[in-house]
Each structure stands twice: as structure tokens, then as C-alpha cells.
């Protein structure tokens, strides 16, 4: 794969199916509150928000006990996390090609390590950059620049795979190749293209084939 030395991944919606976990948490919370379950449209909007905002959006209630209940459901459901189909095979191929692998996420370190460990992906990671390692959110390139600095890789030798427009903007701002991933049901191909994605990938196994045309 030419000069590609590092492939960085966003975690949520790219490596790990956290969309399903969040939907399960909000359904559990509706049961706990003995109220109607959110509609598909409401859940789609909610998973783009922080849990605190989503609780207010879905249930019009941000009392401490409600937020506490959500944290308990998340703590339980996170242990059922799964990687997307084809991710492990992709990472195996990258390792065989001597391409470094990392994840760059806005999640905290504790949840990130739990998700990567539960899904069996942690051992693949050369670098794991979580919130706290940087302080300026995407589309700032700060998070990606930390990963590049830690691995001593040049932006021109790296690519970032994400499922949201801000991921594409962050990659571009860092001088990296921007790869849009659309295997999560909530990913929007048009938004990724409008955000400047260099490549759109519908399945993990397509990544190495498509990147060969670039590197």
C-alpha cells in the first residue's frame, strides 16, 4: 500500500457499533421512567447528542436520578459491544501489510478501553487518543495531530476513517486523507461527500483496495 504508514479510525460508528448500544440504553431508560419509547426519528437525533442533551431531548427530564439511571444502563450495555462485521479482518490485513493502526475518539479513556477490550480490538492499536489527550473538539485537527506526533508519522503518510462530516473536516485540517465510512446505519454518504471525503467506503474490506489507488 505504498507510503501509507498509519490508518486512524474514529471509534463510534466505524470500529464499534455504539449506535445500537445507545438505542438500547434509551429504550431501557424509557422503561425505567414508565414512559413511551422514543420513535426511530427521535433516537436518530438523540445519538448525535451527548447523553445529557439526549435525555432532555427524549424525556424532557435531566434530574440527577435519570442521568444516574442512564449511566447504569450504559455500564451494563457497554459490555455487550461488538465490532462491525469485517473490522477484525481489515485490521488483520493492515497488520500483515505493516500499516500502523490507531483510534482517535471524543470518548473518555475508560469507556474507550472498555469498548476496545470487549470487542477484541485493543491489541491492534498502536495509538489510542481519547478526550483529555486533546482539548479542542473536531473539526479541529488537534486529536489527529496528537496521534501523528505520538507515532512520528507525517500527515501525508496517514489517513483517518470517520462516519461524520466533522471527521472529514478534521482529517483535511490535519493534512491527512479523509475516508468516509458508511456501514453504520446512521452514516450519511452525501454529508461525507459534501464535507470533502476523498474516499467513501461502504464495507471495511473495501478500504485496502481503495487506498491502493491513493498510496
C-alpha atoms as a PDB file:
ATOM      1  CA  UNK A   1       0.000   0.000   0.000  1.00  0.00           C
ATOM      2  CA  UNK A   2       2.779   2.387  -0.919  1.00  0.00           C
ATOM      3  CA  UNK A   3       3.606   5.042   1.640  1.00  0.00           C
ATOM      4  CA  UNK A   4       0.563   4.573   3.888  1.00  0.00           C
ATOM      5  CA  UNK A   5       2.084   4.098   7.333  1.00  0.00           C
ATOM      6  CA  UNK A   6      -0.829   4.844   9.669  1.00  0.00           C
ATOM      7  CA  UNK A   7      -4.578   4.341   9.409  1.00  0.00           C
ATOM      8  CA  UNK A   8      -6.544   6.049  12.163  1.00  0.00           C
ATOM      9  CA  UNK A   9     -10.168   5.243  12.905  1.00  0.00           C
ATOM     10  CA  UNK A  10     -12.929   7.074  14.684  1.00  0.00           C
ATOM     11  CA  UNK A  11     -14.417   4.542  17.107  1.00  0.00           C
ATOM     12  CA  UNK A  12     -18.172   5.130  17.326  1.00  0.00           C
ATOM     13  CA  UNK A  13     -19.914   4.136  14.112  1.00  0.00           C
ATOM     14  CA  UNK A  14     -16.675   2.996  12.497  1.00  0.00           C
ATOM     15  CA  UNK A  15     -14.954   0.374  14.639  1.00  0.00           C
ATOM     16  CA  UNK A  16     -17.678  -0.293  17.208  1.00  0.00           C
ATOM     17  CA  UNK A  17     -21.456  -0.338  16.827  1.00  0.00           C
ATOM     18  CA  UNK A  18     -22.207   2.047  19.678  1.00  0.00           C
ATOM     19  CA  UNK A  19     -25.372   3.246  17.904  1.00  0.00           C
ATOM     20  CA  UNK A  20     -27.124   0.031  18.884  1.00  0.00           C
ATOM     21  CA  UNK A  21     -25.821   0.328  22.449  1.00  0.00           C
ATOM     22  CA  UNK A  22     -27.157   3.872  22.823  1.00  0.00           C
ATOM     23  CA  UNK A  23     -30.546   2.972  21.384  1.00  0.00           C
ATOM     24  CA  UNK A  24     -30.755   0.107  23.867  1.00  0.00           C
ATOM     25  CA  UNK A  25     -29.850   2.444  26.736  1.00  0.00           C
ATOM     26  CA  UNK A  26     -32.550   4.961  25.802  1.00  0.00           C
ATOM     27  CA  UNK A  27     -35.123   2.199  25.451  1.00  0.00           C
ATOM     28  CA  UNK A  28     -34.114   0.868  28.869  1.00  0.00           C
ATOM     29  CA  UNK A  29     -34.431   4.373  30.279  1.00  0.00           C
ATOM     30  CA  UNK A  30     -37.939   4.744  28.834  1.00  0.00           C
ATOM     31  CA  UNK A  31     -38.897   1.524  30.590  1.00  0.00           C
ATOM     32  CA  UNK A  32     -37.349   2.791  33.822  1.00  0.00           C
ATOM     33  CA  UNK A  33     -39.345   6.023  33.583  1.00  0.00           C
ATOM     34  CA  UNK A  34     -42.500   4.128  32.618  1.00  0.00           C
ATOM     35  CA  UNK A  35     -42.995   6.375  29.607  1.00  0.00           C
ATOM     36  CA  UNK A  36     -43.392   5.812  25.872  1.00  0.00           C
ATOM     37  CA  UNK A  37     -40.400   4.564  23.970  1.00  0.00           C
ATOM     38  CA  UNK A  38     -38.702   7.050  21.645  1.00  0.00           C
ATOM     39  CA  UNK A  39     -39.506   6.857  17.945  1.00  0.00           C
ATOM     40  CA  UNK A  40     -36.866   5.896  15.384  1.00  0.00           C
ATOM     41  CA  UNK A  41     -36.580   9.527  14.355  1.00  0.00           C
ATOM     42  CA  UNK A  42     -36.123  10.686  17.948  1.00  0.00           C
ATOM     43  CA  UNK A  43     -33.446   8.050  18.558  1.00  0.00           C
ATOM     44  CA  UNK A  44     -31.622   9.027  15.377  1.00  0.00           C
ATOM     45  CA  UNK A  45     -31.430  12.607  16.605  1.00  0.00           C
ATOM     46  CA  UNK A  46     -30.525  11.591  20.159  1.00  0.00           C
ATOM     47  CA  UNK A  47     -27.475   9.516  19.286  1.00  0.00           C
ATOM     48  CA  UNK A  48     -25.888  12.601  17.719  1.00  0.00           C
ATOM     49  CA  UNK A  49     -26.078  14.349  21.112  1.00  0.00           C
ATOM     50  CA  UNK A  50     -24.316  13.969  24.429  1.00  0.00           C
ATOM     51  CA  UNK A  51     -26.263  11.721  26.845  1.00  0.00           C
ATOM     52  CA  UNK A  52     -27.248  14.715  28.979  1.00  0.00           C
ATOM     53  CA  UNK A  53     -28.695  16.551  25.992  1.00  0.00           C
ATOM     54  CA  UNK A  54     -30.306  13.386  24.645  1.00  0.00           C
ATOM     55  CA  UNK A  55     -32.082  12.719  27.950  1.00  0.00           C
ATOM     56  CA  UNK A  56     -33.536  16.202  27.839  1.00  0.00           C
ATOM     57  CA  UNK A  57     -34.467  15.763  24.190  1.00  0.00           C
ATOM     58  CA  UNK A  58     -36.132  12.381  24.634  1.00  0.00           C
ATOM     59  CA  UNK A  59     -37.635  12.622  28.093  1.00  0.00           C
ATOM     60  CA  UNK A  60     -37.681  16.341  28.951  1.00  0.00           C
ATOM     61  CA  UNK A  61     -36.026  15.407  32.205  1.00  0.00           C
ATOM     62  CA  UNK A  62     -32.449  15.891  33.362  1.00  0.00           C
ATOM     63  CA  UNK A  63     -32.809  15.114  37.022  1.00  0.00           C
ATOM     64  CA  UNK A  64     -29.819  13.511  38.713  1.00  0.00           C
ATOM     65  CA  UNK A  65     -31.563  10.151  39.188  1.00  0.00           C
ATOM     66  CA  UNK A  66     -32.377   9.951  35.472  1.00  0.00           C
ATOM     67  CA  UNK A  67     -28.797  10.645  34.459  1.00  0.00           C
ATOM     68  CA  UNK A  68     -27.645   8.131  37.060  1.00  0.00           C
ATOM     69  CA  UNK A  69     -30.001   5.501  35.638  1.00  0.00           C
ATOM     70  CA  UNK A  70     -28.612   6.115  32.154  1.00  0.00           C
ATOM     71  CA  UNK A  71     -25.053   5.641  33.415  1.00  0.00           C
ATOM     72  CA  UNK A  72     -26.032   2.303  34.951  1.00  0.00           C
ATOM     73  CA  UNK A  73     -27.658   1.100  31.729  1.00  0.00           C
ATOM     74  CA  UNK A  74     -24.642   2.247  29.723  1.00  0.00           C
ATOM     75  CA  UNK A  75     -22.295   0.456  32.127  1.00  0.00           C
ATOM     76  CA  UNK A  76     -24.301  -2.740  31.599  1.00  0.00           C
ATOM     77  CA  UNK A  77     -24.830  -2.470  27.849  1.00  0.00           C
ATOM     78  CA  UNK A  78     -21.264  -1.455  27.012  1.00  0.00           C
ATOM     79  CA  UNK A  79     -20.171  -4.967  27.953  1.00  0.00           C
ATOM     80  CA  UNK A  80     -22.232  -6.260  25.014  1.00  0.00           C
ATOM     81  CA  UNK A  81     -20.424  -4.089  22.463  1.00  0.00           C
ATOM     82  CA  UNK A  82     -19.453  -5.613  19.144  1.00  0.00           C
ATOM     83  CA  UNK A  83     -17.175  -4.555  16.317  1.00  0.00           C
ATOM     84  CA  UNK A  84     -18.734  -4.074  12.912  1.00  0.00           C
ATOM     85  CA  UNK A  85     -18.607  -7.072  10.590  1.00  0.00           C
ATOM     86  CA  UNK A  86     -15.338  -7.123   8.696  1.00  0.00           C
ATOM     87  CA  UNK A  87     -13.371  -4.869  11.056  1.00  0.00           C
ATOM     88  CA  UNK A  88     -11.197  -7.603  12.566  1.00  0.00           C
ATOM     89  CA  UNK A  89     -10.389  -8.971   9.122  1.00  0.00           C
ATOM     90  CA  UNK A  90      -9.458  -5.496   7.915  1.00  0.00           C
ATOM     91  CA  UNK A  91      -7.166  -4.896  10.878  1.00  0.00           C
ATOM     92  CA  UNK A  92      -5.513  -8.286  10.353  1.00  0.00           C
ATOM     93  CA  UNK A  93      -4.769  -7.306   6.745  1.00  0.00           C
ATOM     94  CA  UNK A  94      -3.362  -3.937   7.808  1.00  0.00           C
ATOM     95  CA  UNK A  95      -1.075  -5.636  10.321  1.00  0.00           C
ATOM     96  CA  UNK A  96       0.119  -8.039   7.605  1.00  0.00           C
ATOM     97  CA  UNK A  97       0.926  -5.021   5.413  1.00  0.00           C
ATOM     98  CA  UNK A  98       2.839  -3.306   8.261  1.00  0.00           C
ATOM     99  CA  UNK A  99       0.376  -0.410   8.417  1.00  0.00           C
ATOM    100  CA  UNK A 100       0.022   1.109  11.882  1.00  0.00           C
ATOM    101  CA  UNK A 101      -3.478   1.237  13.389  1.00  0.00           C
ATOM    102  CA  UNK A 102      -4.965   3.684  15.846  1.00  0.00           C
ATOM    103  CA  UNK A 103      -8.234   5.095  17.083  1.00  0.00           C
ATOM    104  CA  UNK A 104      -9.000   8.753  17.719  1.00  0.00           C
ATOM    105  CA  UNK A 105     -12.234   9.395  19.588  1.00  0.00           C
ATOM    106  CA  UNK A 106     -14.009  12.022  21.663  1.00  0.00           C
ATOM    107  CA  UNK A 107     -14.960   9.391  24.239  1.00  0.00           C
ATOM    108  CA  UNK A 108     -13.259   9.270  27.615  1.00  0.00           C
ATOM    109  CA  UNK A 109     -10.387   6.887  28.206  1.00  0.00           C
ATOM    110  CA  UNK A 110     -12.301   4.485  30.467  1.00  0.00           C
ATOM    111  CA  UNK A 111     -15.185   3.854  28.058  1.00  0.00           C
ATOM    112  CA  UNK A 112     -12.815   3.668  25.103  1.00  0.00           C
ATOM    113  CA  UNK A 113     -10.652   0.992  26.694  1.00  0.00           C
ATOM    114  CA  UNK A 114     -13.742  -0.968  27.752  1.00  0.00           C
ATOM    115  CA  UNK A 115     -15.162  -0.888  24.227  1.00  0.00           C
ATOM    116  CA  UNK A 116     -11.869  -1.831  22.587  1.00  0.00           C
ATOM    117  CA  UNK A 117     -11.245  -4.626  25.083  1.00  0.00           C
ATOM    118  CA  UNK A 118     -14.784  -6.028  24.871  1.00  0.00           C
ATOM    119  CA  UNK A 119     -14.635  -6.121  21.077  1.00  0.00           C
ATOM    120  CA  UNK A 120     -11.131  -7.595  20.968  1.00  0.00           C
ATOM    121  CA  UNK A 121      -9.683  -4.616  19.104  1.00  0.00           C
ATOM    122  CA  UNK A 122      -7.350  -3.157  21.714  1.00  0.00           C
ATOM    123  CA  UNK A 123      -4.328  -5.290  20.824  1.00  0.00           C
ATOM    124  CA  UNK A 124      -4.386  -3.965  17.264  1.00  0.00           C
ATOM    125  CA  UNK A 125      -3.915  -0.376  18.378  1.00  0.00           C
ATOM    126  CA  UNK A 126      -0.580   1.364  18.067  1.00  0.00           C
ATOM    127  CA  UNK A 127      -2.133   4.530  19.467  1.00  0.00           C
ATOM    128  CA  UNK A 128      -5.387   5.338  21.278  1.00  0.00           C
ATOM    129  CA  UNK A 129      -6.241   9.037  21.548  1.00  0.00           C
ATOM    130  CA  UNK A 130      -9.183   9.926  23.802  1.00  0.00           C
ATOM    131  CA  UNK A 131     -10.709  13.120  25.133  1.00  0.00           C
ATOM    132  CA  UNK A 132      -8.300  14.608  27.634  1.00  0.00           C
ATOM    133  CA  UNK A 133      -5.292  13.944  25.422  1.00  0.00           C
ATOM    134  CA  UNK A 134      -6.549  16.978  23.491  1.00  0.00           C
ATOM    135  CA  UNK A 135      -8.910  19.810  24.408  1.00  0.00           C
ATOM    136  CA  UNK A 136     -10.272  21.165  21.127  1.00  0.00           C
ATOM    137  CA  UNK A 137     -13.031  19.094  19.558  1.00  0.00           C
ATOM    138  CA  UNK A 138     -13.313  18.145  15.897  1.00  0.00           C
ATOM    139  CA  UNK A 139     -13.362  19.629  13.306  1.00  0.00           C
ATOM    140  CA  UNK A 140     -10.157  20.890  14.887  1.00  0.00           C
ATOM    141  CA  UNK A 141      -7.298  18.588  13.859  1.00  0.00           C
ATOM    142  CA  UNK A 142      -5.907  18.609  17.423  1.00  0.00           C
ATOM    143  CA  UNK A 143      -6.833  14.991  18.169  1.00  0.00           C
ATOM    144  CA  UNK A 144      -5.288  13.714  14.948  1.00  0.00           C
ATOM    145  CA  UNK A 145      -2.141  15.774  15.393  1.00  0.00           C
ATOM    146  CA  UNK A 146      -1.614  14.148  18.798  1.00  0.00           C
ATOM    147  CA  UNK A 147      -1.797  10.714  17.153  1.00  0.00           C
ATOM    148  CA  UNK A 148       0.624  11.740  14.415  1.00  0.00           C
ATOM    149  CA  UNK A 149       3.057  13.173  16.937  1.00  0.00           C
ATOM    150  CA  UNK A 150       2.873  10.080  19.138  1.00  0.00           C
ATOM    151  CA  UNK A 151       3.611   7.757  16.215  1.00  0.00           C
ATOM    152  CA  UNK A 152       6.087  10.066  14.435  1.00  0.00           C
ATOM    153  CA  UNK A 153       4.104   9.744  11.206  1.00  0.00           C
ATOM    154  CA  UNK A 154       3.679  12.557   8.673  1.00  0.00           C
ATOM    155  CA  UNK A 155       0.141  13.652   7.697  1.00  0.00           C
ATOM    156  CA  UNK A 156       0.872  12.676   4.076  1.00  0.00           C
ATOM    157  CA  UNK A 157       1.544   9.123   5.261  1.00  0.00           C
ATOM    158  CA  UNK A 158      -1.737   8.748   7.159  1.00  0.00           C
ATOM    159  CA  UNK A 159      -5.494   8.530   6.663  1.00  0.00           C
ATOM    160  CA  UNK A 160      -8.455   8.956   9.001  1.00  0.00           C
ATOM    161  CA  UNK A 161     -11.637   6.901   8.719  1.00  0.00           C
ATOM    162  CA  UNK A 162     -14.789   8.527  10.107  1.00  0.00           C
ATOM    163  CA  UNK A 163     -18.553   8.450   9.709  1.00  0.00           C
ATOM    164  CA  UNK A 164     -19.401  12.119  10.251  1.00  0.00           C
ATOM    165  CA  UNK A 165     -18.734  15.383   8.432  1.00  0.00           C
ATOM    166  CA  UNK A 166     -16.621  16.700  11.312  1.00  0.00           C
ATOM    167  CA  UNK A 167     -14.314  13.696  10.908  1.00  0.00           C
ATOM    168  CA  UNK A 168     -13.705  14.615   7.272  1.00  0.00           C
ATOM    169  CA  UNK A 169     -13.059  18.245   8.185  1.00  0.00           C
ATOM    170  CA  UNK A 170     -10.639  17.211  10.948  1.00  0.00           C
ATOM    171  CA  UNK A 171      -8.703  14.943   8.576  1.00  0.00           C
ATOM    172  CA  UNK A 172      -8.470  17.683   5.954  1.00  0.00           C
ATOM    173  CA  UNK A 173      -7.388  20.224   8.562  1.00  0.00           C
ATOM    174  CA  UNK A 174      -4.641  17.833   9.657  1.00  0.00           C
ATOM    175  CA  UNK A 175      -3.426  17.330   6.093  1.00  0.00           C
ATOM    176  CA  UNK A 176      -4.490  13.681   6.051  1.00  0.00           C
ATOM    177  CA  UNK A 177      -6.540  11.632   3.613  1.00  0.00           C
ATOM    178  CA  UNK A 178     -10.218  11.690   4.646  1.00  0.00           C
ATOM    179  CA  UNK A 179     -12.036   8.359   4.351  1.00  0.00           C
ATOM    180  CA  UNK A 180     -15.811   8.327   4.844  1.00  0.00           C
ATOM    181  CA  UNK A 181     -17.261   5.118   6.294  1.00  0.00           C
ATOM    182  CA  UNK A 182     -20.965   4.406   5.705  1.00  0.00           C
ATOM    183  CA  UNK A 183     -21.515   0.937   7.145  1.00  0.00           C
ATOM    184  CA  UNK A 184     -23.257   2.326  10.233  1.00  0.00           C
ATOM    185  CA  UNK A 185     -26.989   2.801   9.569  1.00  0.00           C
ATOM    186  CA  UNK A 186     -26.832   6.417  10.732  1.00  0.00           C
ATOM    187  CA  UNK A 187     -23.966   7.422   8.406  1.00  0.00           C
ATOM    188  CA  UNK A 188     -24.879   9.824   5.608  1.00  0.00           C
ATOM    189  CA  UNK A 189     -22.928   9.403   2.375  1.00  0.00           C
ATOM    190  CA  UNK A 190     -23.980  12.774   0.930  1.00  0.00           C
ATOM    191  CA  UNK A 191     -22.895  14.645   4.057  1.00  0.00           C
ATOM    192  CA  UNK A 192     -19.492  12.959   3.966  1.00  0.00           C
ATOM    193  CA  UNK A 193     -19.039  13.815   0.297  1.00  0.00           C
ATOM    194  CA  UNK A 194     -20.057  17.419   0.918  1.00  0.00           C
ATOM    195  CA  UNK A 195     -17.536  17.562   3.775  1.00  0.00           C
ATOM    196  CA  UNK A 196     -14.722  16.696   1.367  1.00  0.00           C
ATOM    197  CA  UNK A 197     -14.233  12.946   1.828  1.00  0.00           C
ATOM    198  CA  UNK A 198     -11.504  11.713  -0.524  1.00  0.00           C
ATOM    199  CA  UNK A 199     -12.916   8.188  -0.478  1.00  0.00           C
ATOM    200  CA  UNK A 200     -16.292   6.745   0.546  1.00  0.00           C
ATOM    201  CA  UNK A 201     -16.206   3.160   1.801  1.00  0.00           C
ATOM    202  CA  UNK A 202     -19.333   1.030   2.210  1.00  0.00           C
ATOM    203  CA  UNK A 203     -17.678  -2.027   3.775  1.00  0.00           C
ATOM    204  CA  UNK A 204     -14.487  -2.373   5.840  1.00  0.00           C
ATOM    205  CA  UNK A 205     -12.984  -4.885   3.430  1.00  0.00           C
ATOM    206  CA  UNK A 206     -13.030  -2.252   0.667  1.00  0.00           C
ATOM    207  CA  UNK A 207     -10.596   0.043   2.467  1.00  0.00           C
ATOM    208  CA  UNK A 208      -7.322  -1.586   1.495  1.00  0.00           C
ATOM    209  CA  UNK A 209      -8.399  -1.950  -2.146  1.00  0.00           C
ATOM    210  CA  UNK A 210      -9.441   1.691  -2.442  1.00  0.00           C
ATOM    211  CA  UNK A 211      -6.412   3.055  -0.616  1.00  0.00           C
ATOM    212  CA  UNK A 212      -4.114   1.275  -3.062  1.00  0.00           C
ATOM    213  CA  UNK A 213      -5.265   3.797  -5.650  1.00  0.00           C
ATOM    214  CA  UNK A 214      -4.056   6.671  -3.462  1.00  0.00           C
ATOM    215  CA  UNK A 215      -0.882   5.445  -1.767  1.00  0.00           C
END
